[in-house]
Protein backbone atom coordinates (compact mmCIF):
# COMPACT_ATOMS: atom_id res chain seq x y z
CA MET A 1 -104.88 107.72 113.40
CA PRO A 2 -102.74 105.29 115.46
CA THR A 3 -102.51 105.29 119.03
CA ARG A 4 -99.18 106.70 120.11
CA ALA A 5 -97.20 105.86 123.45
CA LEU A 6 -93.92 107.20 125.04
CA VAL A 7 -92.26 104.68 127.18
CA VAL A 8 -89.39 106.09 129.43
CA ASP A 9 -87.01 103.83 131.53
CA ASP A 10 -83.39 103.99 131.92
CA ASP A 11 -83.62 100.29 131.45
CA LEU A 12 -83.38 99.61 127.81
CA PRO A 13 -84.33 96.09 127.70
CA THR A 14 -87.68 96.95 129.68
CA CYS A 15 -88.47 99.75 127.14
CA GLU A 16 -87.92 97.30 124.43
CA MET A 17 -90.51 94.82 126.10
CA ILE A 18 -93.05 97.20 126.64
CA GLN A 19 -92.76 98.61 123.00
CA ALA A 20 -93.20 95.05 121.68
CA ILE A 21 -96.17 94.31 123.52
CA LEU A 22 -97.70 97.74 122.61
CA ASN A 23 -96.95 97.04 118.89
CA SER A 24 -98.61 93.73 119.06
CA ALA A 25 -101.82 95.72 120.21
CA ASP A 26 -101.61 98.02 117.24
CA MET A 27 -99.98 100.97 119.34
CA GLU A 28 -97.15 102.84 118.17
CA ALA A 29 -94.47 103.21 121.11
CA MET A 30 -91.36 105.45 121.33
CA ILE A 31 -88.94 104.58 123.82
CA LEU A 32 -86.24 106.58 125.59
CA THR A 33 -83.99 106.02 128.41
CA ASP A 34 -82.88 109.49 128.90
CA SER A 35 -85.46 111.37 131.24
CA ALA A 36 -84.11 114.67 130.41
CA HIS A 37 -84.77 114.12 126.94
CA ALA A 38 -87.97 112.95 127.53
CA ALA A 39 -89.20 115.93 129.76
CA GLU A 40 -88.21 118.31 126.42
CA LEU A 41 -90.26 115.92 124.04
CA LEU A 42 -93.28 116.12 126.38
CA GLN A 43 -93.35 119.78 126.06
CA LYS A 44 -93.34 119.65 122.04
CA GLN A 45 -95.24 116.25 121.03
CA LYS A 46 -98.83 114.94 122.03
CA PHE A 47 -98.89 111.15 123.02
CA ASP A 48 -102.08 109.31 123.92
CA ALA A 49 -100.42 107.37 126.75
CA VAL A 50 -97.25 107.75 128.68
CA PHE A 51 -95.32 105.04 130.60
CA LEU A 52 -92.80 106.51 133.29
CA ASP A 53 -90.37 104.46 135.49
CA VAL A 54 -90.58 105.89 138.75
CA ASN A 55 -86.85 105.22 139.71
CA MET A 56 -84.52 107.21 137.16
CA PRO A 57 -81.83 109.64 137.20
CA PRO A 58 -83.45 113.06 137.49
CA PRO A 59 -85.94 113.87 136.50
CA ASP A 60 -87.26 110.56 137.69
CA GLY A 61 -90.86 109.41 136.71
CA LEU A 62 -92.84 111.26 139.60
CA GLU A 63 -91.13 114.60 138.62
CA LEU A 64 -91.79 114.07 134.81
CA ALA A 65 -95.54 113.45 135.71
CA ARG A 66 -95.75 116.26 137.90
CA GLN A 67 -94.50 118.50 135.03
CA MET A 68 -97.09 117.12 132.51
CA ARG A 69 -99.93 117.62 134.93
CA GLY A 70 -98.59 121.35 135.16
CA GLY A 71 -99.69 122.13 131.71
CA GLY A 72 -98.94 121.57 128.28
CA TYR A 73 -100.03 119.09 125.36
CA ASN A 74 -99.92 116.10 127.50
CA GLN A 75 -101.52 117.78 130.82
CA ARG A 76 -104.48 115.10 130.69
CA THR A 77 -102.68 112.49 128.82
CA PRO A 78 -102.81 108.86 130.79
CA VAL A 79 -99.71 108.21 132.94
CA ILE A 80 -98.62 104.61 133.48
CA MET A 81 -95.93 104.50 136.34
CA ILE A 82 -93.70 101.43 136.06
CA THR A 83 -92.08 100.39 139.21
CA GLY A 84 -90.85 96.97 140.72
CA GLU A 85 -92.07 98.30 144.24
CA GLU A 86 -95.42 97.39 145.44
CA ASP A 87 -94.93 99.70 148.68
CA PRO A 88 -98.32 101.91 149.33
CA ALA A 89 -96.08 104.71 150.02
CA VAL A 90 -94.75 104.54 146.25
CA LEU A 91 -98.47 104.35 144.75
CA THR A 92 -99.32 107.38 147.04
CA ARG A 93 -96.50 109.53 145.58
CA GLY A 94 -97.17 108.28 142.29
CA PHE A 95 -101.02 109.17 142.42
CA GLN A 96 -100.18 112.53 144.00
CA ALA A 97 -97.88 113.51 140.95
CA GLY A 98 -100.47 112.42 138.33
CA ALA A 99 -100.33 108.80 137.82
CA ASN A 100 -103.33 107.07 136.68
CA PHE A 101 -102.28 103.52 136.70
CA PHE A 102 -99.33 101.50 137.68
CA LEU A 103 -97.58 98.62 135.89
CA PHE A 104 -95.62 96.43 138.06
CA LYS A 105 -92.07 94.71 137.34
CA PRO A 106 -91.36 91.95 136.15
CA ILE A 107 -93.51 92.95 133.02
CA HIS A 108 -96.23 90.40 132.26
CA LYS A 109 -97.74 90.77 128.59
CA GLU A 110 -101.29 89.72 129.53
CA ARG A 111 -101.34 92.66 132.29
CA LEU A 112 -99.74 94.91 130.31
CA LEU A 113 -102.57 94.39 127.70
CA ASN A 114 -105.21 94.58 130.14
CA LEU A 115 -104.02 97.73 131.00
CA THR A 116 -104.14 99.02 127.72
CA ARG A 117 -107.73 97.95 127.12
CA PHE A 118 -108.70 99.53 130.42
CA THR A 119 -107.40 102.92 129.33
CA HIS A 120 -108.95 102.67 126.03
CA GLY A 121 -111.78 104.95 126.91
CA VAL A 122 -109.37 107.67 128.54
CA ILE A 123 -107.31 107.49 125.48
CA LYS A 124 -110.43 108.08 123.17
CA ARG A 125 -111.67 110.86 125.05
CA GLU A 126 -108.44 112.53 125.12
CA LYS A 127 -107.69 111.84 121.14
CA ARG A 128 -110.93 113.84 120.76
CA ARG A 129 -110.08 116.82 122.78
CA PHE A 130 -106.86 117.07 120.49
CA GLN A 131 -108.49 116.23 117.27
CA ARG A 132 -108.25 119.40 114.82
CA VAL A 133 -111.19 120.20 112.66
CA ALA A 134 -110.60 122.23 109.50
CA VAL A 135 -112.85 125.16 110.01
CA ARG A 136 -112.44 128.96 109.06
CA ARG A 137 -113.63 131.42 111.88
CA ARG A 138 -112.60 134.95 112.64
CA ILE A 139 -110.12 135.48 115.47
CA GLN A 140 -108.49 138.14 117.54
CA VAL A 141 -105.25 137.42 119.08
CA ARG A 142 -103.90 139.85 121.74
CA PHE A 143 -100.43 140.06 123.40
CA GLY A 144 -99.97 142.66 125.75
CA GLN A 145 -101.05 146.09 123.94
CA GLU A 146 -100.86 144.29 120.43
CA SER A 147 -103.79 142.60 118.73
CA LEU A 148 -103.82 140.98 115.36
CA GLU A 149 -106.89 140.01 113.42
CA GLY A 150 -107.10 136.56 111.50
CA GLU A 151 -108.89 133.37 110.78
CA THR A 152 -108.57 129.93 111.83
CA ILE A 153 -107.25 127.18 109.94
CA ASP A 154 -108.25 124.33 112.22
CA VAL A 155 -109.75 124.36 115.57
CA SER A 156 -109.25 121.63 118.34
CA LEU A 157 -111.00 121.64 122.06
CA SER A 158 -107.36 122.20 123.28
CA GLY A 159 -106.05 124.79 120.76
CA VAL A 160 -106.22 126.74 117.43
CA LEU A 161 -104.13 127.31 114.25
CA VAL A 162 -104.30 130.90 113.34
CA GLN A 163 -103.57 132.60 109.80
CA ALA A 164 -102.67 136.27 109.97
CA SER A 165 -100.62 138.76 108.29
CA ARG A 166 -98.13 138.29 111.27
CA THR A 167 -97.61 136.03 114.39
CA PHE A 168 -96.26 136.51 117.79
CA PRO A 169 -93.23 134.69 119.39
CA THR A 170 -93.41 131.17 120.25
CA GLY A 171 -93.83 131.14 124.07
CA SER A 172 -96.02 134.38 124.18
CA LEU A 173 -99.02 134.42 126.63
CA VAL A 174 -102.01 135.72 124.84
CA GLN A 175 -105.83 136.44 124.77
CA VAL A 176 -107.96 135.05 121.80
CA ARG A 177 -111.54 135.98 120.85
CA LEU A 178 -112.80 133.24 118.64
CA ASP A 179 -115.98 133.92 116.91
CA LEU A 180 -117.83 130.55 116.46
CA SER A 181 -121.19 131.77 115.15
CA PRO A 182 -122.44 135.11 113.66
CA GLY A 183 -124.55 137.25 116.44
CA LYS A 184 -123.20 135.17 119.31
CA GLN A 185 -120.57 135.94 121.80
CA PRO A 186 -117.08 135.03 121.00
CA ILE A 187 -115.11 132.54 122.89
CA VAL A 188 -112.64 134.22 125.18
CA ALA A 189 -109.77 132.33 126.75
CA ASP A 190 -106.04 132.90 127.56
CA GLY A 191 -103.48 130.63 125.55
CA LEU A 192 -99.74 129.97 124.68
CA VAL A 193 -98.40 130.63 121.29
CA ALA A 194 -97.01 126.92 121.07
CA ARG A 195 -95.43 127.12 117.71
CA VAL A 196 -94.96 129.45 114.59
CA ILE A 197 -95.00 128.53 110.82
CA ALA A 198 -93.62 130.70 108.33
CA HIS A 199 -94.28 134.02 110.08
CA THR A 200 -98.00 133.91 109.02
CA ARG A 201 -99.26 130.91 111.04
CA MET A 202 -99.18 130.43 114.67
CA GLY A 203 -100.51 127.41 117.01
CA VAL A 204 -101.97 128.60 119.94
CA GLN A 205 -102.66 126.11 122.68
CA LEU A 206 -105.58 127.26 125.10
CA ASP A 207 -104.37 126.91 128.77
CA ARG A 208 -107.23 128.64 130.47
CA VAL A 209 -110.83 128.41 129.23
CA GLY A 210 -113.82 128.96 131.55
CA SER A 211 -116.33 126.02 132.04
CA ALA A 212 -119.01 127.73 130.38
CA GLU A 213 -116.93 128.86 127.29
CA SER A 214 -115.08 125.33 127.10
CA GLN A 215 -118.78 123.82 127.00
CA ARG A 216 -119.59 126.31 124.25
CA LEU A 217 -116.53 125.08 122.27
CA GLN A 218 -117.46 121.44 122.85
CA ASP A 219 -120.94 121.87 121.78
CA PHE A 220 -119.52 123.34 118.40
CA LEU A 221 -116.81 120.92 117.91
CA LEU A 222 -117.99 117.69 118.85
CA PRO A 223 -120.63 117.20 116.03
CA LEU A 224 -117.83 118.22 113.48
CA ILE A 225 -115.46 115.68 114.90
CA LEU A 226 -117.98 113.28 114.40
CA VAL A 227 -118.13 113.67 110.61
CA SER A 228 -114.61 114.63 110.25
CA ASN A 229 -113.72 111.79 108.00
CA ASP A 230 -116.05 113.47 105.26
CA PRO A 231 -114.43 117.14 104.93
CA GLY A 232 -117.23 118.16 102.50
CA THR A 233 -119.68 118.22 105.29
CA LEU A 234 -117.53 120.83 107.34
CA PRO A 235 -118.84 124.54 107.52
CA GLN A 236 -116.26 126.82 105.74
CA GLY A 237 -116.62 130.44 106.72
CA ASN A 238 -119.54 132.52 107.98
């Protein structure tokens, strides 16, 4: 799967230059000059890296970074701030907002390529966190006083796709109980219904997972991720 980047800058030539350089490094790059549109997109789609111009009409790059770090698909996505200022105060505000790296204008191809190589390890870890594994496991999803029983279609370190007789509305704050292995305690975590498909499937984003639960989920999934190119090796059902 190719690496996907989002470039947000109200200066179109800058966007196009960064896009061309990233494409030359085999990265898919989507460009936007409207930061309000970018804010909406970042809540709906997962990217492997996000480039944000510091100075834009609201929301500026700092605010977009804060929104990303507040939750959602891109909470841990590497953020590269774009700026023409090398003022220490700007750097401080950027890092406080959640930036990982800075890209200074004017844009130099070699600097940008070096930066993408430097972020490769971070991107790879994040891609694994979101990599979905087709595995069937029993799951209970509770919303308020209501609960439903179903099974997973796929599972990742950040969420599950659930098949059930019905669904809860998009945006519902839910609790999930996921049975990974017979005879063992289920994974219990809070989540958010991020999408609903055809009234019988819903994607649940896991927002709050305890450290012990997270480690158990990781121990279960990582061996499957490593062999995910061979679906015949994946366990199906209990």
